[in-house]
PDB file of N, CA and C in Angstrom:
ATOM      1  N   MET A   1      -3.152  19.353  39.845  1.00  0.00           N
ATOM      2  CA  MET A   1      -3.837  18.712  38.745  1.00  0.00           C
ATOM      3  C   MET A   1      -2.848  17.854  37.961  1.00  0.00           C
ATOM      4  N   THR A   2      -3.194  16.632  37.804  1.00  0.00           N
ATOM      5  CA  THR A   2      -2.370  15.745  36.987  1.00  0.00           C
ATOM      6  C   THR A   2      -3.235  15.113  35.914  1.00  0.00           C
ATOM      7  N   ALA A   3      -2.665  14.953  34.772  1.00  0.00           N
ATOM      8  CA  ALA A   3      -3.397  14.320  33.671  1.00  0.00           C
ATOM      9  C   ALA A   3      -3.200  12.815  33.755  1.00  0.00           C
ATOM     10  N   SER A   4      -4.265  12.108  33.568  1.00  0.00           N
ATOM     11  CA  SER A   4      -4.135  10.649  33.586  1.00  0.00           C
ATOM     12  C   SER A   4      -3.835  10.159  32.171  1.00  0.00           C
ATOM     13  N   LEU A   5      -3.006   9.175  32.094  1.00  0.00           N
ATOM     14  CA  LEU A   5      -2.658   8.620  30.796  1.00  0.00           C
ATOM     15  C   LEU A   5      -3.660   7.532  30.426  1.00  0.00           C
ATOM     16  N   SER A   6      -4.224   7.688  29.279  1.00  0.00           N
ATOM     17  CA  SER A   6      -5.164   6.666  28.813  1.00  0.00           C
ATOM     18  C   SER A   6      -4.415   5.659  27.950  1.00  0.00           C
ATOM     19  N   PRO A   7      -4.968   4.476  27.788  1.00  0.00           N
ATOM     20  CA  PRO A   7      -4.290   3.497  26.926  1.00  0.00           C
ATOM     21  C   PRO A   7      -4.187   4.002  25.492  1.00  0.00           C
ATOM     22  N   THR A   8      -3.212   3.501  24.788  1.00  0.00           N
ATOM     23  CA  THR A   8      -2.997   3.906  23.400  1.00  0.00           C
ATOM     24  C   THR A   8      -4.199   3.515  22.556  1.00  0.00           C
ATOM     25  N   PRO A   9      -4.729   4.456  21.779  1.00  0.00           N
ATOM     26  CA  PRO A   9      -5.860   4.097  20.923  1.00  0.00           C
ATOM     27  C   PRO A   9      -5.436   3.084  19.864  1.00  0.00           C
ATOM     28  N   PRO A  10      -6.346   2.247  19.409  1.00  0.00           N
ATOM     29  CA  PRO A  10      -5.985   1.191  18.465  1.00  0.00           C
ATOM     30  C   PRO A  10      -5.381   1.696  17.160  1.00  0.00           C
ATOM     31  N   LEU A  11      -5.674   2.916  16.737  1.00  0.00           N
ATOM     32  CA  LEU A  11      -5.143   3.413  15.474  1.00  0.00           C
ATOM     33  C   LEU A  11      -3.646   3.692  15.531  1.00  0.00           C
ATOM     34  N   VAL A  12      -3.106   3.830  16.731  1.00  0.00           N
ATOM     35  CA  VAL A  12      -1.697   4.167  16.846  1.00  0.00           C
ATOM     36  C   VAL A  12      -0.843   2.987  17.289  1.00  0.00           C
ATOM     37  N   THR A  13      -1.446   1.886  17.606  1.00  0.00           N
ATOM     38  CA  THR A  13      -0.654   0.739  18.039  1.00  0.00           C
ATOM     39  C   THR A  13       0.076   0.128  16.847  1.00  0.00           C
ATOM     40  N   PRO A  14       1.298  -0.298  17.050  1.00  0.00           N
ATOM     41  CA  PRO A  14       2.053  -0.866  15.930  1.00  0.00           C
ATOM     42  C   PRO A  14       1.479  -2.210  15.489  1.00  0.00           C
ATOM     43  N   ARG A  15       1.676  -2.506  14.222  1.00  0.00           N
ATOM     44  CA  ARG A  15       1.224  -3.803  13.716  1.00  0.00           C
ATOM     45  C   ARG A  15       2.133  -4.892  14.249  1.00  0.00           C
ATOM     46  N   LYS A  16       1.569  -6.042  14.466  1.00  0.00           N
ATOM     47  CA  LYS A  16       2.348  -7.139  15.003  1.00  0.00           C
ATOM     48  C   LYS A  16       2.994  -7.982  13.906  1.00  0.00           C
ATOM     49  N   GLU A  17       2.544  -7.854  12.687  1.00  0.00           N
ATOM     50  CA  GLU A  17       3.104  -8.651  11.601  1.00  0.00           C
ATOM     51  C   GLU A  17       3.646  -7.741  10.508  1.00  0.00           C
ATOM     52  N   ALA A  18       4.643  -8.215   9.835  1.00  0.00           N
ATOM     53  CA  ALA A  18       5.187  -7.462   8.707  1.00  0.00           C
ATOM     54  C   ALA A  18       4.490  -7.917   7.442  1.00  0.00           C
ATOM     55  N   GLY A  19       4.490  -7.070   6.451  1.00  0.00           N
ATOM     56  CA  GLY A  19       3.897  -7.445   5.181  1.00  0.00           C
ATOM     57  C   GLY A  19       2.838  -6.459   4.748  1.00  0.00           C
ATOM     58  N   PRO A  20       2.303  -6.680   3.568  1.00  0.00           N
ATOM     59  CA  PRO A  20       1.310  -5.745   3.029  1.00  0.00           C
ATOM     60  C   PRO A  20      -0.015  -5.832   3.775  1.00  0.00           C
ATOM     61  N   PHE A  21      -0.744  -4.742   3.776  1.00  0.00           N
ATOM     62  CA  PHE A  21      -2.068  -4.743   4.393  1.00  0.00           C
ATOM     63  C   PHE A  21      -3.013  -5.642   3.612  1.00  0.00           C
ATOM     64  N   LEU A  22      -2.974  -5.540   2.308  1.00  0.00           N
ATOM     65  CA  LEU A  22      -3.850  -6.325   1.444  1.00  0.00           C
ATOM     66  C   LEU A  22      -3.017  -7.045   0.400  1.00  0.00           C
ATOM     67  N   SER A  23      -3.535  -8.144  -0.065  1.00  0.00           N
ATOM     68  CA  SER A  23      -2.832  -8.862  -1.129  1.00  0.00           C
ATOM     69  C   SER A  23      -3.132  -8.208  -2.470  1.00  0.00           C
ATOM     70  N   ARG A  24      -2.383  -8.604  -3.469  1.00  0.00           N
ATOM     71  CA  ARG A  24      -2.574  -8.087  -4.828  1.00  0.00           C
ATOM     72  C   ARG A  24      -4.002  -8.344  -5.310  1.00  0.00           C
ATOM     73  N   ASP A  25      -4.540  -9.520  -5.030  1.00  0.00           N
ATOM     74  CA  ASP A  25      -5.891  -9.857  -5.482  1.00  0.00           C
ATOM     75  C   ASP A  25      -6.965  -9.052  -4.755  1.00  0.00           C
ATOM     76  N   GLU A  26      -6.671  -8.580  -3.553  1.00  0.00           N
ATOM     77  CA  GLU A  26      -7.622  -7.751  -2.818  1.00  0.00           C
ATOM     78  C   GLU A  26      -7.553  -6.290  -3.254  1.00  0.00           C
ATOM     79  N   VAL A  27      -6.378  -5.830  -3.666  1.00  0.00           N
ATOM     80  CA  VAL A  27      -6.190  -4.426  -4.042  1.00  0.00           C
ATOM     81  C   VAL A  27      -6.755  -4.120  -5.427  1.00  0.00           C
ATOM     82  N   ARG A  28      -6.543  -5.015  -6.375  1.00  0.00           N
ATOM     83  CA  ARG A  28      -6.941  -4.751  -7.767  1.00  0.00           C
ATOM     84  C   ARG A  28      -8.415  -4.399  -7.924  1.00  0.00           C
ATOM     85  N   PRO A  29      -9.370  -5.137  -7.333  1.00  0.00           N
ATOM     86  CA  PRO A  29     -10.777  -4.741  -7.500  1.00  0.00           C
ATOM     87  C   PRO A  29     -11.107  -3.408  -6.821  1.00  0.00           C
ATOM     88  N   ILE A  30     -10.447  -3.118  -5.707  1.00  0.00           N
ATOM     89  CA  ILE A  30     -10.715  -1.863  -5.001  1.00  0.00           C
ATOM     90  C   ILE A  30     -10.299  -0.682  -5.867  1.00  0.00           C
ATOM     91  N   LEU A  31      -9.130  -0.775  -6.486  1.00  0.00           N
ATOM     92  CA  LEU A  31      -8.630   0.302  -7.344  1.00  0.00           C
ATOM     93  C   LEU A  31      -9.150   0.203  -8.768  1.00  0.00           C
ATOM     94  N   GLN A  32      -9.909  -0.832  -9.048  1.00  0.00           N
ATOM     95  CA  GLN A  32     -10.485  -1.076 -10.374  1.00  0.00           C
ATOM     96  C   GLN A  32      -9.388  -1.125 -11.438  1.00  0.00           C
ATOM     97  N   LEU A  33      -8.369  -1.946 -11.176  1.00  0.00           N
ATOM     98  CA  LEU A  33      -7.237  -2.077 -12.086  1.00  0.00           C
ATOM     99  C   LEU A  33      -7.235  -3.442 -12.749  1.00  0.00           C
ATOM    100  N   ASP A  34      -6.829  -3.466 -14.004  1.00  0.00           N
ATOM    101  CA  ASP A  34      -6.548  -4.746 -14.638  1.00  0.00           C
ATOM    102  C   ASP A  34      -5.083  -5.083 -14.351  1.00  0.00           C
ATOM    103  N   GLU A  35      -4.622  -6.214 -14.842  1.00  0.00           N
ATOM    104  CA  GLU A  35      -3.252  -6.645 -14.561  1.00  0.00           C
ATOM    105  C   GLU A  35      -2.220  -5.646 -15.078  1.00  0.00           C
ATOM    106  N   ALA A  36      -2.442  -5.094 -16.270  1.00  0.00           N
ATOM    107  CA  ALA A  36      -1.488  -4.134 -16.843  1.00  0.00           C
ATOM    108  C   ALA A  36      -1.413  -2.859 -16.004  1.00  0.00           C
ATOM    109  N   GLY A  37      -2.540  -2.365 -15.540  1.00  0.00           N
ATOM    110  CA  GLY A  37      -2.548  -1.169 -14.704  1.00  0.00           C
ATOM    111  C   GLY A  37      -1.829  -1.391 -13.389  1.00  0.00           C
ATOM    112  N   PHE A  38      -2.029  -2.564 -12.814  1.00  0.00           N
ATOM    113  CA  PHE A  38      -1.355  -2.888 -11.560  1.00  0.00           C
ATOM    114  C   PHE A  38       0.155  -2.954 -11.769  1.00  0.00           C
ATOM    115  N   GLU A  39       0.592  -3.539 -12.885  1.00  0.00           N
ATOM    116  CA  GLU A  39       2.022  -3.624 -13.182  1.00  0.00           C
ATOM    117  C   GLU A  39       2.623  -2.240 -13.411  1.00  0.00           C
ATOM    118  N   LYS A  40       1.877  -1.328 -14.017  1.00  0.00           N
ATOM    119  CA  LYS A  40       2.373   0.040 -14.223  1.00  0.00           C
ATOM    120  C   LYS A  40       2.604   0.736 -12.888  1.00  0.00           C
ATOM    121  N   ILE A  41       1.688   0.548 -11.955  1.00  0.00           N
ATOM    122  CA  ILE A  41       1.850   1.161 -10.633  1.00  0.00           C
ATOM    123  C   ILE A  41       3.062   0.561  -9.925  1.00  0.00           C
ATOM    124  N   LYS A  42       3.215  -0.747  -9.987  1.00  0.00           N
ATOM    125  CA  LYS A  42       4.385  -1.383  -9.382  1.00  0.00           C
ATOM    126  C   LYS A  42       5.677  -0.857  -9.991  1.00  0.00           C
ATOM    127  N   TYR A  43       5.703  -0.674 -11.312  1.00  0.00           N
ATOM    128  CA  TYR A  43       6.887  -0.148 -11.999  1.00  0.00           C
ATOM    129  C   TYR A  43       7.195   1.265 -11.506  1.00  0.00           C
ATOM    130  N   TYR A  44       6.166   2.105 -11.416  1.00  0.00           N
ATOM    131  CA  TYR A  44       6.375   3.481 -10.960  1.00  0.00           C
ATOM    132  C   TYR A  44       6.911   3.509  -9.529  1.00  0.00           C
ATOM    133  N   LEU A  45       6.346   2.701  -8.652  1.00  0.00           N
ATOM    134  CA  LEU A  45       6.803   2.687  -7.268  1.00  0.00           C
ATOM    135  C   LEU A  45       8.241   2.184  -7.157  1.00  0.00           C
ATOM    136  N   ARG A  46       8.633   1.286  -8.043  1.00  0.00           N
ATOM    137  CA  ARG A  46       9.981   0.733  -8.012  1.00  0.00           C
ATOM    138  C   ARG A  46      11.003   1.713  -8.580  1.00  0.00           C
ATOM    139  N   THR A  47      10.661   2.403  -9.687  1.00  0.00           N
ATOM    140  CA  THR A  47      11.646   3.236 -10.386  1.00  0.00           C
ATOM    141  C   THR A  47      11.439   4.732 -10.205  1.00  0.00           C
ATOM    142  N   ARG A  48      10.262   5.139  -9.788  1.00  0.00           N
ATOM    143  CA  ARG A  48       9.902   6.553  -9.628  1.00  0.00           C
ATOM    144  C   ARG A  48       9.869   7.306 -10.948  1.00  0.00           C
ATOM    145  N   GLU A  49       9.674   6.606 -12.062  1.00  0.00           N
ATOM    146  CA  GLU A  49       9.470   7.281 -13.343  1.00  0.00           C
ATOM    147  C   GLU A  49       8.244   6.675 -14.008  1.00  0.00           C
ATOM    148  N   MET A  50       7.564   7.488 -14.776  1.00  0.00           N
ATOM    149  CA  MET A  50       6.333   7.034 -15.407  1.00  0.00           C
ATOM    150  C   MET A  50       6.634   5.919 -16.407  1.00  0.00           C
ATOM    151  N   PRO A  51       5.852   4.853 -16.381  1.00  0.00           N
ATOM    152  CA  PRO A  51       6.108   3.746 -17.302  1.00  0.00           C
ATOM    153  C   PRO A  51       5.704   4.071 -18.731  1.00  0.00           C
ATOM    154  N   THR A  52       6.458   3.566 -19.663  1.00  0.00           N
ATOM    155  CA  THR A  52       6.090   3.624 -21.076  1.00  0.00           C
ATOM    156  C   THR A  52       6.050   2.187 -21.574  1.00  0.00           C
ATOM    157  N   ALA A  53       5.482   1.993 -22.736  1.00  0.00           N
ATOM    158  CA  ALA A  53       5.377   0.637 -23.275  1.00  0.00           C
ATOM    159  C   ALA A  53       6.761   0.017 -23.458  1.00  0.00           C
ATOM    160  N   LYS A  54       7.740   0.813 -23.864  1.00  0.00           N
ATOM    161  CA  LYS A  54       9.090   0.290 -24.085  1.00  0.00           C
ATOM    162  C   LYS A  54       9.737  -0.147 -22.775  1.00  0.00           C
ATOM    163  N   LYS A  55       9.587   0.663 -21.738  1.00  0.00           N
ATOM    164  CA  LYS A  55      10.243   0.370 -20.472  1.00  0.00           C
ATOM    165  C   LYS A  55       9.546  -0.750 -19.707  1.00  0.00           C
ATOM    166  N   LEU A  56       8.243  -0.825 -19.820  1.00  0.00           N
ATOM    167  CA  LEU A  56       7.496  -1.771 -19.004  1.00  0.00           C
ATOM    168  C   LEU A  56       7.623  -3.194 -19.516  1.00  0.00           C
ATOM    169  N   PHE A  57       7.629  -3.349 -20.823  1.00  0.00           N
ATOM    170  CA  PHE A  57       7.635  -4.720 -21.361  1.00  0.00           C
ATOM    171  C   PHE A  57       8.841  -4.980 -22.177  1.00  0.00           C
TER     172      PHE A  57
END
């Protein structure tokens, strides 16, 4: 008994292009964020600390 190898399913194939999946303008309505909320998330991802008004602006 031998197992046959099937082609790689599409969910596991590597992406051919580098870059974000969605642009900033596509993400904001999905997450229901205004510009300030989006900037807070970007700040957190960059620094790994919660943003405060003093640090963000």
